[in-house]
PDB file of N, CA and C in Angstrom:
ATOM      1  N   UNK A   1      13.740 -19.302  18.870  1.00  0.00           N
ATOM      2  CA  UNK A   1      14.577 -18.320  18.191  1.00  0.00           C
ATOM      3  C   UNK A   1      15.883 -18.970  17.755  1.00  0.00           C
ATOM      4  N   UNK A   2      16.313 -18.587  16.584  1.00  0.00           N
ATOM      5  CA  UNK A   2      17.574 -19.075  16.065  1.00  0.00           C
ATOM      6  C   UNK A   2      18.742 -18.279  16.622  1.00  0.00           C
ATOM      7  N   UNK A   3      19.956 -18.710  16.352  1.00  0.00           N
ATOM      8  CA  UNK A   3      21.134 -18.040  16.899  1.00  0.00           C
ATOM      9  C   UNK A   3      21.401 -16.662  16.288  1.00  0.00           C
ATOM     10  N   UNK A   4      20.895 -16.396  15.110  1.00  0.00           N
ATOM     11  CA  UNK A   4      21.139 -15.120  14.443  1.00  0.00           C
ATOM     12  C   UNK A   4      19.960 -14.167  14.595  1.00  0.00           C
ATOM     13  N   UNK A   5      19.370 -14.145  15.784  1.00  0.00           N
ATOM     14  CA  UNK A   5      18.237 -13.267  16.073  1.00  0.00           C
ATOM     15  C   UNK A   5      18.690 -12.178  17.032  1.00  0.00           C
ATOM     16  N   UNK A   6      18.383 -10.949  16.681  1.00  0.00           N
ATOM     17  CA  UNK A   6      18.718  -9.812  17.540  1.00  0.00           C
ATOM     18  C   UNK A   6      17.421  -9.133  17.957  1.00  0.00           C
ATOM     19  N   UNK A   7      17.198  -9.018  19.265  1.00  0.00           N
ATOM     20  CA  UNK A   7      16.031  -8.324  19.800  1.00  0.00           C
ATOM     21  C   UNK A   7      16.482  -6.992  20.379  1.00  0.00           C
ATOM     22  N   UNK A   8      15.809  -5.916  19.985  1.00  0.00           N
ATOM     23  CA  UNK A   8      16.111  -4.578  20.471  1.00  0.00           C
ATOM     24  C   UNK A   8      14.898  -4.129  21.289  1.00  0.00           C
ATOM     25  N   UNK A   9      15.039  -4.116  22.591  1.00  0.00           N
ATOM     26  CA  UNK A   9      13.919  -3.786  23.488  1.00  0.00           C
ATOM     27  C   UNK A   9      13.402  -2.379  23.244  1.00  0.00           C
ATOM     28  N   UNK A  10      12.122  -2.137  23.480  1.00  0.00           N
ATOM     29  CA  UNK A  10      11.132  -3.083  23.968  1.00  0.00           C
ATOM     30  C   UNK A  10      10.498  -3.879  22.835  1.00  0.00           C
ATOM     31  N   UNK A  11      10.317  -5.180  23.084  1.00  0.00           N
ATOM     32  CA  UNK A  11       9.611  -6.057  22.156  1.00  0.00           C
ATOM     33  C   UNK A  11       8.715  -6.991  22.966  1.00  0.00           C
ATOM     34  N   UNK A  12       7.642  -7.448  22.328  1.00  0.00           N
ATOM     35  CA  UNK A  12       6.765  -8.454  22.921  1.00  0.00           C
ATOM     36  C   UNK A  12       6.564  -9.525  21.868  1.00  0.00           C
ATOM     37  N   UNK A  13       7.006 -10.741  22.162  1.00  0.00           N
ATOM     38  CA  UNK A  13       6.881 -11.862  21.241  1.00  0.00           C
ATOM     39  C   UNK A  13       5.935 -12.871  21.887  1.00  0.00           C
ATOM     40  N   UNK A  14       4.804 -13.140  21.239  1.00  0.00           N
ATOM     41  CA  UNK A  14       3.834 -14.101  21.756  1.00  0.00           C
ATOM     42  C   UNK A  14       4.307 -15.531  21.506  1.00  0.00           C
ATOM     43  N   UNK A  15       3.506 -16.507  21.929  1.00  0.00           N
ATOM     44  CA  UNK A  15       3.851 -17.922  21.811  1.00  0.00           C
ATOM     45  C   UNK A  15       3.838 -18.402  20.364  1.00  0.00           C
ATOM     46  N   UNK A  16       4.590 -19.469  20.131  1.00  0.00           N
ATOM     47  CA  UNK A  16       4.618 -20.185  18.849  1.00  0.00           C
ATOM     48  C   UNK A  16       5.075 -19.336  17.675  1.00  0.00           C
ATOM     49  N   UNK A  17       5.947 -18.379  17.912  1.00  0.00           N
ATOM     50  CA  UNK A  17       6.527 -17.577  16.831  1.00  0.00           C
ATOM     51  C   UNK A  17       7.856 -18.195  16.409  1.00  0.00           C
ATOM     52  N   UNK A  18       8.207 -18.001  15.151  1.00  0.00           N
ATOM     53  CA  UNK A  18       9.487 -18.465  14.630  1.00  0.00           C
ATOM     54  C   UNK A  18      10.288 -17.251  14.188  1.00  0.00           C
ATOM     55  N   UNK A  19      11.462 -17.089  14.761  1.00  0.00           N
ATOM     56  CA  UNK A  19      12.356 -15.984  14.408  1.00  0.00           C
ATOM     57  C   UNK A  19      13.678 -16.580  13.944  1.00  0.00           C
ATOM     58  N   UNK A  20      14.079 -16.252  12.715  1.00  0.00           N
ATOM     59  CA  UNK A  20      15.328 -16.773  12.157  1.00  0.00           C
ATOM     60  C   UNK A  20      16.057 -15.673  11.403  1.00  0.00           C
ATOM     61  N   UNK A  21      17.335 -15.494  11.702  1.00  0.00           N
ATOM     62  CA  UNK A  21      18.183 -14.534  10.993  1.00  0.00           C
ATOM     63  C   UNK A  21      17.482 -13.186  10.815  1.00  0.00           C
ATOM     64  N   UNK A  22      17.137 -12.568  11.942  1.00  0.00           N
ATOM     65  CA  UNK A  22      16.384 -11.315  11.872  1.00  0.00           C
ATOM     66  C   UNK A  22      16.740 -10.387  13.025  1.00  0.00           C
ATOM     67  N   UNK A  23      16.337  -9.119  12.847  1.00  0.00           N
ATOM     68  CA  UNK A  23      16.402  -8.122  13.914  1.00  0.00           C
ATOM     69  C   UNK A  23      14.981  -7.647  14.166  1.00  0.00           C
ATOM     70  N   UNK A  24      14.563  -7.707  15.420  1.00  0.00           N
ATOM     71  CA  UNK A  24      13.207  -7.309  15.797  1.00  0.00           C
ATOM     72  C   UNK A  24      13.301  -6.250  16.881  1.00  0.00           C
ATOM     73  N   UNK A  25      12.712  -5.073  16.619  1.00  0.00           N
ATOM     74  CA  UNK A  25      12.687  -4.005  17.585  1.00  0.00           C
ATOM     75  C   UNK A  25      13.530  -2.842  17.134  1.00  0.00           C
ATOM     76  N   UNK A  26      13.368  -1.734  17.827  1.00  0.00           N
ATOM     77  CA  UNK A  26      12.565  -1.549  19.029  1.00  0.00           C
ATOM     78  C   UNK A  26      11.086  -1.337  18.702  1.00  0.00           C
ATOM     79  N   UNK A  27      10.296  -1.383  19.772  1.00  0.00           N
ATOM     80  CA  UNK A  27       8.860  -1.083  19.710  1.00  0.00           C
ATOM     81  C   UNK A  27       8.123  -1.998  18.749  1.00  0.00           C
ATOM     82  N   UNK A  28       8.258  -3.307  18.970  1.00  0.00           N
ATOM     83  CA  UNK A  28       7.594  -4.292  18.112  1.00  0.00           C
ATOM     84  C   UNK A  28       6.803  -5.267  18.970  1.00  0.00           C
ATOM     85  N   UNK A  29       5.581  -5.567  18.517  1.00  0.00           N
ATOM     86  CA  UNK A  29       4.765  -6.633  19.082  1.00  0.00           C
ATOM     87  C   UNK A  29       4.524  -7.654  17.982  1.00  0.00           C
ATOM     88  N   UNK A  30       4.812  -8.926  18.290  1.00  0.00           N
ATOM     89  CA  UNK A  30       4.610 -10.001  17.333  1.00  0.00           C
ATOM     90  C   UNK A  30       3.592 -10.964  17.942  1.00  0.00           C
ATOM     91  N   UNK A  31       2.442 -11.100  17.288  1.00  0.00           N
ATOM     92  CA  UNK A  31       1.371 -11.938  17.807  1.00  0.00           C
ATOM     93  C   UNK A  31       1.656 -13.409  17.524  1.00  0.00           C
ATOM     94  N   UNK A  32       0.889 -14.271  18.138  1.00  0.00           N
ATOM     95  CA  UNK A  32       1.084 -15.726  18.116  1.00  0.00           C
ATOM     96  C   UNK A  32       1.179 -16.297  16.696  1.00  0.00           C
ATOM     97  N   UNK A  33       2.064 -17.277  16.549  1.00  0.00           N
ATOM     98  CA  UNK A  33       2.155 -18.031  15.319  1.00  0.00           C
ATOM     99  C   UNK A  33       2.818 -17.328  14.145  1.00  0.00           C
ATOM    100  N   UNK A  34       3.388 -16.158  14.360  1.00  0.00           N
ATOM    101  CA  UNK A  34       4.005 -15.426  13.251  1.00  0.00           C
ATOM    102  C   UNK A  34       5.433 -15.897  12.997  1.00  0.00           C
ATOM    103  N   UNK A  35       5.893 -15.675  11.760  1.00  0.00           N
ATOM    104  CA  UNK A  35       7.233 -16.071  11.336  1.00  0.00           C
ATOM    105  C   UNK A  35       7.949 -14.844  10.796  1.00  0.00           C
ATOM    106  N   UNK A  36       9.160 -14.591  11.304  1.00  0.00           N
ATOM    107  CA  UNK A  36      10.010 -13.522  10.778  1.00  0.00           C
ATOM    108  C   UNK A  36      11.345 -14.168  10.418  1.00  0.00           C
ATOM    109  N   UNK A  37      11.676 -14.112   9.134  1.00  0.00           N
ATOM    110  CA  UNK A  37      12.870 -14.819   8.645  1.00  0.00           C
ATOM    111  C   UNK A  37      13.629 -13.917   7.673  1.00  0.00           C
ATOM    112  N   UNK A  38      14.941 -13.785   7.887  1.00  0.00           N
ATOM    113  CA  UNK A  38      15.794 -12.975   7.001  1.00  0.00           C
ATOM    114  C   UNK A  38      15.224 -11.574   6.844  1.00  0.00           C
ATOM    115  N   UNK A  39      14.880 -10.936   7.962  1.00  0.00           N
ATOM    116  CA  UNK A  39      14.175  -9.652   7.914  1.00  0.00           C
ATOM    117  C   UNK A  39      14.568  -8.763   9.086  1.00  0.00           C
ATOM    118  N   UNK A  40      14.158  -7.493   8.973  1.00  0.00           N
ATOM    119  CA  UNK A  40      14.306  -6.527  10.067  1.00  0.00           C
ATOM    120  C   UNK A  40      12.963  -5.829  10.241  1.00  0.00           C
ATOM    121  N   UNK A  41      12.518  -5.725  11.492  1.00  0.00           N
ATOM    122  CA  UNK A  41      11.226  -5.117  11.793  1.00  0.00           C
ATOM    123  C   UNK A  41      11.403  -4.169  12.971  1.00  0.00           C
ATOM    124  N   UNK A  42      10.942  -2.913  12.814  1.00  0.00           N
ATOM    125  CA  UNK A  42      11.025  -1.931  13.898  1.00  0.00           C
ATOM    126  C   UNK A  42       9.738  -1.109  13.928  1.00  0.00           C
ATOM    127  N   UNK A  43       9.345  -0.687  15.127  1.00  0.00           N
ATOM    128  CA  UNK A  43       8.166   0.162  15.301  1.00  0.00           C
ATOM    129  C   UNK A  43       6.959  -0.426  14.574  1.00  0.00           C
ATOM    130  N   UNK A  44       6.583  -1.640  14.958  1.00  0.00           N
ATOM    131  CA  UNK A  44       5.536  -2.345  14.229  1.00  0.00           C
ATOM    132  C   UNK A  44       4.683  -3.208  15.155  1.00  0.00           C
ATOM    133  N   UNK A  45       3.450  -3.425  14.709  1.00  0.00           N
ATOM    134  CA  UNK A  45       2.548  -4.372  15.345  1.00  0.00           C
ATOM    135  C   UNK A  45       2.247  -5.443  14.305  1.00  0.00           C
ATOM    136  N   UNK A  46       2.625  -6.676  14.623  1.00  0.00           N
ATOM    137  CA  UNK A  46       2.461  -7.798  13.712  1.00  0.00           C
ATOM    138  C   UNK A  46       1.343  -8.679  14.257  1.00  0.00           C
ATOM    139  N   UNK A  47       0.283  -8.851  13.481  1.00  0.00           N
ATOM    140  CA  UNK A  47      -0.862  -9.650  13.901  1.00  0.00           C
ATOM    141  C   UNK A  47      -0.546 -11.137  13.932  1.00  0.00           C
ATOM    142  N   UNK A  48      -1.551 -11.947  14.287  1.00  0.00           N
ATOM    143  CA  UNK A  48      -1.334 -13.389  14.396  1.00  0.00           C
ATOM    144  C   UNK A  48      -1.136 -14.053  13.033  1.00  0.00           C
ATOM    145  N   UNK A  49      -0.301 -15.091  13.041  1.00  0.00           N
ATOM    146  CA  UNK A  49      -0.080 -15.953  11.878  1.00  0.00           C
ATOM    147  C   UNK A  49       0.426 -15.205  10.642  1.00  0.00           C
ATOM    148  N   UNK A  50       1.246 -14.195  10.843  1.00  0.00           N
ATOM    149  CA  UNK A  50       1.852 -13.458   9.731  1.00  0.00           C
ATOM    150  C   UNK A  50       3.193 -14.089   9.359  1.00  0.00           C
ATOM    151  N   UNK A  51       3.625 -13.841   8.129  1.00  0.00           N
ATOM    152  CA  UNK A  51       4.938 -14.281   7.670  1.00  0.00           C
ATOM    153  C   UNK A  51       5.649 -13.099   7.028  1.00  0.00           C
ATOM    154  N   UNK A  52       6.855 -12.819   7.512  1.00  0.00           N
ATOM    155  CA  UNK A  52       7.675 -11.737   6.961  1.00  0.00           C
ATOM    156  C   UNK A  52       9.008 -12.362   6.570  1.00  0.00           C
ATOM    157  N   UNK A  53       9.340 -12.302   5.272  1.00  0.00           N
ATOM    158  CA  UNK A  53      10.578 -12.902   4.782  1.00  0.00           C
ATOM    159  C   UNK A  53      11.313 -11.941   3.862  1.00  0.00           C
ATOM    160  N   UNK A  54      12.638 -11.894   4.030  1.00  0.00           N
ATOM    161  CA  UNK A  54      13.515 -11.085   3.171  1.00  0.00           C
ATOM    162  C   UNK A  54      12.989  -9.653   3.024  1.00  0.00           C
ATOM    163  N   UNK A  55      12.612  -9.042   4.133  1.00  0.00           N
ATOM    164  CA  UNK A  55      11.989  -7.715   4.102  1.00  0.00           C
ATOM    165  C   UNK A  55      12.523  -6.843   5.220  1.00  0.00           C
ATOM    166  N   UNK A  56      12.324  -5.531   5.045  1.00  0.00           N
ATOM    167  CA  UNK A  56      12.621  -4.556   6.088  1.00  0.00           C
ATOM    168  C   UNK A  56      11.370  -3.713   6.290  1.00  0.00           C
ATOM    169  N   UNK A  57      10.765  -3.829   7.468  1.00  0.00           N
ATOM    170  CA  UNK A  57       9.538  -3.095   7.781  1.00  0.00           C
ATOM    171  C   UNK A  57       9.786  -2.123   8.921  1.00  0.00           C
ATOM    172  N   UNK A  58       9.342  -0.895   8.750  1.00  0.00           N
ATOM    173  CA  UNK A  58       9.354   0.089   9.826  1.00  0.00           C
ATOM    174  C   UNK A  58       8.008   0.798   9.823  1.00  0.00           C
ATOM    175  N   UNK A  59       7.548   1.164  11.007  1.00  0.00           N
ATOM    176  CA  UNK A  59       6.273   1.866  11.141  1.00  0.00           C
ATOM    177  C   UNK A  59       5.173   1.132  10.382  1.00  0.00           C
ATOM    178  N   UNK A  60       4.930  -0.117  10.780  1.00  0.00           N
ATOM    179  CA  UNK A  60       3.968  -0.958  10.071  1.00  0.00           C
ATOM    180  C   UNK A  60       2.969  -1.582  11.036  1.00  0.00           C
ATOM    181  N   UNK A  61       1.775  -1.850  10.514  1.00  0.00           N
ATOM    182  CA  UNK A  61       0.752  -2.604  11.228  1.00  0.00           C
ATOM    183  C   UNK A  61       0.243  -3.686  10.280  1.00  0.00           C
ATOM    184  N   UNK A  62       0.286  -4.935  10.730  1.00  0.00           N
ATOM    185  CA  UNK A  62      -0.162  -6.054   9.914  1.00  0.00           C
ATOM    186  C   UNK A  62      -1.319  -6.746  10.603  1.00  0.00           C
ATOM    187  N   UNK A  63      -2.383  -6.986   9.856  1.00  0.00           N
ATOM    188  CA  UNK A  63      -3.517  -7.739  10.376  1.00  0.00           C
ATOM    189  C   UNK A  63      -3.208  -9.221  10.402  1.00  0.00           C
ATOM    190  N   UNK A  64      -4.232 -10.019  10.603  1.00  0.00           N
ATOM    191  CA  UNK A  64      -4.092 -11.468  10.693  1.00  0.00           C
ATOM    192  C   UNK A  64      -3.703 -12.084   9.348  1.00  0.00           C
ATOM    193  N   UNK A  65      -2.771 -13.032   9.384  1.00  0.00           N
ATOM    194  CA  UNK A  65      -2.341 -13.831   8.233  1.00  0.00           C
ATOM    195  C   UNK A  65      -1.854 -13.001   7.040  1.00  0.00           C
ATOM    196  N   UNK A  66      -1.085 -11.969   7.329  1.00  0.00           N
ATOM    197  CA  UNK A  66      -0.477 -11.167   6.258  1.00  0.00           C
ATOM    198  C   UNK A  66       0.854 -11.802   5.884  1.00  0.00           C
ATOM    199  N   UNK A  67       1.148 -11.827   4.593  1.00  0.00           N
ATOM    200  CA  UNK A  67       2.426 -12.366   4.102  1.00  0.00           C
ATOM    201  C   UNK A  67       3.180 -11.246   3.399  1.00  0.00           C
ATOM    202  N   UNK A  68       4.404 -10.958   3.888  1.00  0.00           N
ATOM    203  CA  UNK A  68       5.249  -9.908   3.317  1.00  0.00           C
ATOM    204  C   UNK A  68       6.543 -10.561   2.843  1.00  0.00           C
ATOM    205  N   UNK A  69       6.864 -10.375   1.558  1.00  0.00           N
ATOM    206  CA  UNK A  69       8.058 -10.994   0.979  1.00  0.00           C
ATOM    207  C   UNK A  69       8.789  -9.979   0.112  1.00  0.00           C
ATOM    208  N   UNK A  70      10.105  -9.874   0.293  1.00  0.00           N
ATOM    209  CA  UNK A  70      10.955  -9.018  -0.545  1.00  0.00           C
ATOM    210  C   UNK A  70      10.444  -7.580  -0.617  1.00  0.00           C
ATOM    211  N   UNK A  71      10.086  -7.030   0.538  1.00  0.00           N
ATOM    212  CA  UNK A  71       9.508  -5.684   0.590  1.00  0.00           C
ATOM    213  C   UNK A  71      10.305  -4.829   1.567  1.00  0.00           C
ATOM    214  N   UNK A  72      10.511  -3.566   1.212  1.00  0.00           N
ATOM    215  CA  UNK A  72      11.125  -2.604   2.123  1.00  0.00           C
ATOM    216  C   UNK A  72      10.213  -1.398   2.201  1.00  0.00           C
ATOM    217  N   UNK A  73       9.825  -1.022   3.431  1.00  0.00           N
ATOM    218  CA  UNK A  73       8.973   0.149   3.574  1.00  0.00           C
ATOM    219  C   UNK A  73       8.114   0.096   4.816  1.00  0.00           C
ATOM    220  N   UNK A  74       7.022   0.865   4.777  1.00  0.00           N
ATOM    221  CA  UNK A  74       6.102   0.942   5.899  1.00  0.00           C
ATOM    222  C   UNK A  74       4.684   0.900   5.368  1.00  0.00           C
ATOM    223  N   UNK A  75       3.729   0.707   6.265  1.00  0.00           N
ATOM    224  CA  UNK A  75       2.337   0.715   5.839  1.00  0.00           C
ATOM    225  C   UNK A  75       1.453  -0.053   6.789  1.00  0.00           C
ATOM    226  N   UNK A  76       0.170  -0.006   6.497  1.00  0.00           N
ATOM    227  CA  UNK A  76      -0.839  -0.751   7.228  1.00  0.00           C
ATOM    228  C   UNK A  76      -1.452  -1.744   6.250  1.00  0.00           C
ATOM    229  N   UNK A  77      -1.399  -3.023   6.601  1.00  0.00           N
ATOM    230  CA  UNK A  77      -1.843  -4.081   5.699  1.00  0.00           C
ATOM    231  C   UNK A  77      -2.919  -4.906   6.391  1.00  0.00           C
ATOM    232  N   UNK A  78      -4.096  -4.975   5.777  1.00  0.00           N
ATOM    233  CA  UNK A  78      -5.235  -5.675   6.354  1.00  0.00           C
ATOM    234  C   UNK A  78      -5.074  -7.180   6.343  1.00  0.00           C
ATOM    235  N   UNK A  79      -5.969  -7.847   7.058  1.00  0.00           N
ATOM    236  CA  UNK A  79      -5.949  -9.298   7.190  1.00  0.00           C
ATOM    237  C   UNK A  79      -5.937  -9.992   5.836  1.00  0.00           C
ATOM    238  N   UNK A  80      -5.185 -11.070   5.757  1.00  0.00           N
ATOM    239  CA  UNK A  80      -5.096 -11.941   4.595  1.00  0.00           C
ATOM    240  C   UNK A  80      -4.489 -11.253   3.360  1.00  0.00           C
ATOM    241  N   UNK A  81      -3.690 -10.206   3.577  1.00  0.00           N
ATOM    242  CA  UNK A  81      -3.019  -9.514   2.475  1.00  0.00           C
ATOM    243  C   UNK A  81      -1.714 -10.218   2.118  1.00  0.00           C
ATOM    244  N   UNK A  82      -1.284 -10.021   0.882  1.00  0.00           N
ATOM    245  CA  UNK A  82       0.038 -10.482   0.444  1.00  0.00           C
ATOM    246  C   UNK A  82       0.750  -9.295  -0.185  1.00  0.00           C
ATOM    247  N   UNK A  83       1.926  -8.971   0.352  1.00  0.00           N
ATOM    248  CA  UNK A  83       2.705  -7.836  -0.121  1.00  0.00           C
ATOM    249  C   UNK A  83       4.038  -8.385  -0.618  1.00  0.00           C
ATOM    250  N   UNK A  84       4.391  -8.079  -1.842  1.00  0.00           N
ATOM    251  CA  UNK A  84       5.667  -8.543  -2.391  1.00  0.00           C
ATOM    252  C   UNK A  84       6.293  -7.404  -3.176  1.00  0.00           C
ATOM    253  N   UNK A  85       7.579  -7.336  -3.150  1.00  0.00           N
ATOM    254  CA  UNK A  85       8.300  -6.304  -3.883  1.00  0.00           C
ATOM    255  C   UNK A  85       9.742  -6.687  -3.987  1.00  0.00           C
ATOM    256  N   UNK A  86      10.532  -5.739  -4.367  1.00  0.00           N
ATOM    257  CA  UNK A  86      11.975  -5.974  -4.417  1.00  0.00           C
ATOM    258  C   UNK A  86      12.601  -5.290  -3.231  1.00  0.00           C
ATOM    259  N   UNK A  87      13.296  -6.071  -2.427  1.00  0.00           N
ATOM    260  CA  UNK A  87      13.925  -5.529  -1.209  1.00  0.00           C
ATOM    261  C   UNK A  87      15.165  -4.758  -1.552  1.00  0.00           C
TER     262      UNK A  87
END
């Protein structure tokens, strides 16, 4: 974790995750190998090997290897999805 990371309990962060300049929680699970950078995530389940950048996610579920960039909102995104928008 980088110095600009804020965790709001309860959170569960699995191994080999990268967190940089972000707020994670409350009620967030981040599975192994995921990256959260320049983002805020709350009330979410993040699957393995996901990437979330420059986004704000609330009430979200992400499957395996989902990439979210420049997106603000909520939703359920299946494995290998790419979501992009204007944050």
